[in-house]
Amino acid sequence: MCKVVPADRLEPPQPSIVPTAPRIEENLGRKTPARTYTNLLTNAHDEALFEYYLTSALERVHLTGERELLVPPSFN
């Protein structure tokens, strides 16, 4: 069994030239004891790229090279 990239995948999503909303960050003065990585996906484009690169399908690949789709492409 292999996780594979979908065969019909298109090019990665391109960022919009025009921002869709203002970027607002707020610091309430609280300190955290460890890194929390809260701002990794900062906008819709980051979310689209995340989904694009993590979408995969589960296939069974036989020794003959035959491939059998077990689970259709999904973002999991």
N, C-alpha and C. Protein backbone atom coordinates (compact mmCIF):
# COMPACT_ATOMS: atom_id res chain seq x y z
N MET A 1 0.84 -1.17 0.00
CA MET A 1 0.00 0.00 0.00
C MET A 1 0.89 1.23 0.00
N CYS A 2 0.47 2.23 -0.75
CA CYS A 2 1.22 3.48 -0.86
C CYS A 2 0.27 4.67 -0.83
N LYS A 3 0.73 5.74 -0.21
CA LYS A 3 0.03 7.02 -0.35
C LYS A 3 0.64 7.71 -1.55
N VAL A 4 -0.19 8.07 -2.51
CA VAL A 4 0.30 8.65 -3.76
C VAL A 4 -0.35 10.01 -4.02
N VAL A 5 0.34 10.79 -4.81
CA VAL A 5 -0.19 12.08 -5.26
C VAL A 5 -1.24 11.79 -6.33
N PRO A 6 -2.40 12.44 -6.27
CA PRO A 6 -3.43 12.19 -7.29
C PRO A 6 -2.91 12.49 -8.70
N ALA A 7 -3.25 11.63 -9.64
CA ALA A 7 -2.76 11.77 -11.01
C ALA A 7 -3.33 13.01 -11.69
N ASP A 8 -4.52 13.45 -11.31
CA ASP A 8 -5.16 14.59 -11.97
C ASP A 8 -4.90 15.91 -11.25
N ARG A 9 -3.87 15.97 -10.41
CA ARG A 9 -3.57 17.19 -9.66
C ARG A 9 -3.06 18.28 -10.60
N LEU A 10 -3.57 19.47 -10.43
CA LEU A 10 -3.19 20.61 -11.26
C LEU A 10 -2.00 21.32 -10.64
N GLU A 11 -1.70 22.51 -11.15
CA GLU A 11 -0.62 23.33 -10.61
C GLU A 11 -0.99 23.85 -9.23
N PRO A 12 0.01 24.19 -8.40
CA PRO A 12 -0.30 24.74 -7.07
C PRO A 12 -1.07 26.05 -7.17
N PRO A 13 -1.90 26.35 -6.18
CA PRO A 13 -2.64 27.60 -6.20
C PRO A 13 -1.70 28.80 -6.16
N GLN A 14 -2.05 29.81 -6.91
CA GLN A 14 -1.24 31.04 -6.95
C GLN A 14 -1.80 32.07 -5.98
N PRO A 15 -0.92 32.84 -5.37
CA PRO A 15 -1.40 33.86 -4.43
C PRO A 15 -2.15 34.98 -5.16
N SER A 16 -3.11 35.54 -4.48
CA SER A 16 -3.86 36.66 -5.04
C SER A 16 -3.00 37.91 -4.97
N ILE A 17 -3.06 38.73 -6.00
CA ILE A 17 -2.29 39.97 -6.02
C ILE A 17 -2.91 40.99 -5.07
N VAL A 18 -4.23 40.96 -4.98
CA VAL A 18 -4.95 41.89 -4.12
C VAL A 18 -5.30 41.20 -2.81
N PRO A 19 -4.96 41.80 -1.65
CA PRO A 19 -5.32 41.18 -0.38
C PRO A 19 -6.83 41.09 -0.22
N THR A 20 -7.30 40.02 0.40
CA THR A 20 -8.74 39.83 0.58
C THR A 20 -9.26 40.51 1.85
N ALA A 21 -8.37 40.77 2.80
CA ALA A 21 -8.77 41.39 4.06
C ALA A 21 -7.54 41.98 4.73
N PRO A 22 -7.73 42.89 5.67
CA PRO A 22 -6.57 43.42 6.38
C PRO A 22 -5.96 42.36 7.30
N ARG A 23 -4.67 42.47 7.53
CA ARG A 23 -4.00 41.54 8.44
C ARG A 23 -3.94 42.18 9.81
N ILE A 24 -4.54 41.51 10.78
CA ILE A 24 -4.62 42.06 12.13
C ILE A 24 -3.97 41.08 13.09
N GLU A 25 -3.03 41.56 13.88
CA GLU A 25 -2.41 40.76 14.91
C GLU A 25 -2.57 41.48 16.23
N GLU A 26 -2.79 40.72 17.28
CA GLU A 26 -3.03 41.31 18.58
C GLU A 26 -2.15 40.63 19.62
N ASN A 27 -1.51 41.42 20.45
CA ASN A 27 -0.70 40.90 21.53
C ASN A 27 -1.28 41.41 22.83
N LEU A 28 -1.77 40.51 23.64
CA LEU A 28 -2.38 40.91 24.90
C LEU A 28 -1.38 40.89 26.05
N GLY A 29 -0.11 40.75 25.74
CA GLY A 29 0.92 40.78 26.77
C GLY A 29 1.11 39.47 27.50
N ARG A 30 0.41 38.42 27.07
CA ARG A 30 0.57 37.12 27.71
C ARG A 30 1.80 36.41 27.16
N LYS A 31 2.54 35.79 28.02
CA LYS A 31 3.70 35.02 27.60
C LYS A 31 3.36 33.54 27.71
N THR A 32 3.82 32.78 26.74
CA THR A 32 3.58 31.34 26.77
C THR A 32 4.86 30.62 27.16
N PRO A 33 4.76 29.51 27.88
CA PRO A 33 5.96 28.81 28.31
C PRO A 33 6.69 28.08 27.18
N ALA A 34 6.00 27.80 26.09
CA ALA A 34 6.62 27.10 24.97
C ALA A 34 6.08 27.70 23.67
N ARG A 35 6.77 27.43 22.60
CA ARG A 35 6.31 27.92 21.30
C ARG A 35 4.97 27.28 20.95
N THR A 36 4.07 28.07 20.41
CA THR A 36 2.76 27.55 20.07
C THR A 36 2.51 27.50 18.56
N TYR A 37 3.31 28.20 17.77
CA TYR A 37 3.18 28.19 16.31
C TYR A 37 1.76 28.53 15.87
N THR A 38 1.20 29.59 16.40
CA THR A 38 -0.18 29.94 16.09
C THR A 38 -0.36 30.61 14.74
N ASN A 39 0.67 31.18 14.16
CA ASN A 39 0.52 31.95 12.92
C ASN A 39 1.13 31.25 11.70
N LEU A 40 1.07 29.95 11.64
CA LEU A 40 1.66 29.25 10.50
C LEU A 40 0.81 29.40 9.24
N LEU A 41 -0.50 29.27 9.35
CA LEU A 41 -1.39 29.48 8.21
C LEU A 41 -2.03 30.84 8.41
N THR A 42 -1.49 31.84 7.72
CA THR A 42 -1.91 33.21 7.98
C THR A 42 -3.04 33.70 7.09
N ASN A 43 -3.29 33.03 5.97
CA ASN A 43 -4.34 33.52 5.07
C ASN A 43 -4.92 32.35 4.27
N ALA A 44 -5.87 32.67 3.42
CA ALA A 44 -6.56 31.63 2.63
C ALA A 44 -5.60 30.95 1.65
N HIS A 45 -4.63 31.69 1.13
CA HIS A 45 -3.66 31.09 0.20
C HIS A 45 -2.81 30.03 0.92
N ASP A 46 -2.37 30.31 2.13
CA ASP A 46 -1.61 29.33 2.91
C ASP A 46 -2.45 28.07 3.15
N GLU A 47 -3.72 28.25 3.45
CA GLU A 47 -4.61 27.10 3.66
C GLU A 47 -4.78 26.29 2.37
N ALA A 48 -4.89 26.98 1.23
CA ALA A 48 -5.03 26.29 -0.06
C ALA A 48 -3.76 25.51 -0.39
N LEU A 49 -2.59 26.08 -0.13
CA LEU A 49 -1.33 25.38 -0.36
C LEU A 49 -1.20 24.17 0.55
N PHE A 50 -1.59 24.33 1.80
CA PHE A 50 -1.54 23.23 2.77
C PHE A 50 -2.38 22.06 2.28
N GLU A 51 -3.61 22.35 1.85
CA GLU A 51 -4.49 21.30 1.34
C GLU A 51 -3.94 20.69 0.05
N TYR A 52 -3.38 21.52 -0.83
CA TYR A 52 -2.84 21.05 -2.11
C TYR A 52 -1.72 20.03 -1.88
N TYR A 53 -0.78 20.35 -1.01
CA TYR A 53 0.37 19.49 -0.81
C TYR A 53 0.10 18.29 0.10
N LEU A 54 -0.97 18.32 0.88
CA LEU A 54 -1.27 17.18 1.75
C LEU A 54 -2.36 16.26 1.22
N THR A 55 -2.95 16.56 0.08
CA THR A 55 -3.96 15.69 -0.51
C THR A 55 -3.27 14.48 -1.13
N SER A 56 -3.76 13.28 -0.78
CA SER A 56 -3.18 12.06 -1.32
C SER A 56 -4.26 10.98 -1.44
N ALA A 57 -3.92 9.93 -2.16
CA ALA A 57 -4.81 8.78 -2.32
C ALA A 57 -4.07 7.55 -1.82
N LEU A 58 -4.81 6.56 -1.39
CA LEU A 58 -4.22 5.31 -0.93
C LEU A 58 -4.44 4.26 -2.01
N GLU A 59 -3.33 3.67 -2.47
CA GLU A 59 -3.40 2.67 -3.54
C GLU A 59 -2.63 1.42 -3.13
N ARG A 60 -3.07 0.30 -3.67
CA ARG A 60 -2.32 -0.95 -3.53
C ARG A 60 -1.55 -1.13 -4.83
N VAL A 61 -0.25 -1.26 -4.73
CA VAL A 61 0.60 -1.44 -5.90
C VAL A 61 1.10 -2.88 -5.90
N HIS A 62 0.71 -3.63 -6.92
CA HIS A 62 1.09 -5.03 -7.04
C HIS A 62 2.50 -5.13 -7.63
N LEU A 63 3.15 -6.27 -7.46
CA LEU A 63 4.49 -6.47 -8.00
C LEU A 63 4.52 -6.40 -9.52
N THR A 64 3.38 -6.60 -10.16
CA THR A 64 3.30 -6.52 -11.62
C THR A 64 3.23 -5.07 -12.09
N GLY A 65 3.08 -4.12 -11.15
CA GLY A 65 2.96 -2.71 -11.52
C GLY A 65 1.53 -2.24 -11.56
N GLU A 66 0.60 -3.19 -11.45
CA GLU A 66 -0.82 -2.82 -11.44
C GLU A 66 -1.15 -2.04 -10.18
N ARG A 67 -1.94 -0.98 -10.33
CA ARG A 67 -2.30 -0.14 -9.19
C ARG A 67 -3.81 -0.21 -8.98
N GLU A 68 -4.19 -0.37 -7.73
CA GLU A 68 -5.60 -0.46 -7.36
C GLU A 68 -5.92 0.64 -6.35
N LEU A 69 -6.85 1.50 -6.69
CA LEU A 69 -7.24 2.60 -5.81
C LEU A 69 -8.07 2.06 -4.65
N LEU A 70 -7.62 2.32 -3.43
CA LEU A 70 -8.35 1.86 -2.24
C LEU A 70 -9.16 2.99 -1.61
N VAL A 71 -8.56 4.17 -1.53
CA VAL A 71 -9.23 5.35 -0.95
C VAL A 71 -9.03 6.50 -1.91
N PRO A 72 -10.09 7.17 -2.35
CA PRO A 72 -9.95 8.27 -3.30
C PRO A 72 -9.19 9.43 -2.68
N PRO A 73 -8.66 10.33 -3.52
CA PRO A 73 -7.90 11.47 -3.00
C PRO A 73 -8.68 12.27 -1.98
N SER A 74 -8.04 12.56 -0.87
CA SER A 74 -8.66 13.36 0.17
C SER A 74 -7.58 14.07 0.95
N PHE A 75 -8.01 15.03 1.72
CA PHE A 75 -7.11 15.82 2.55
C PHE A 75 -7.26 15.33 3.98
N ASN A 76 -6.36 14.45 4.39
CA ASN A 76 -6.39 13.90 5.75
C ASN A 76 -5.01 13.84 6.31
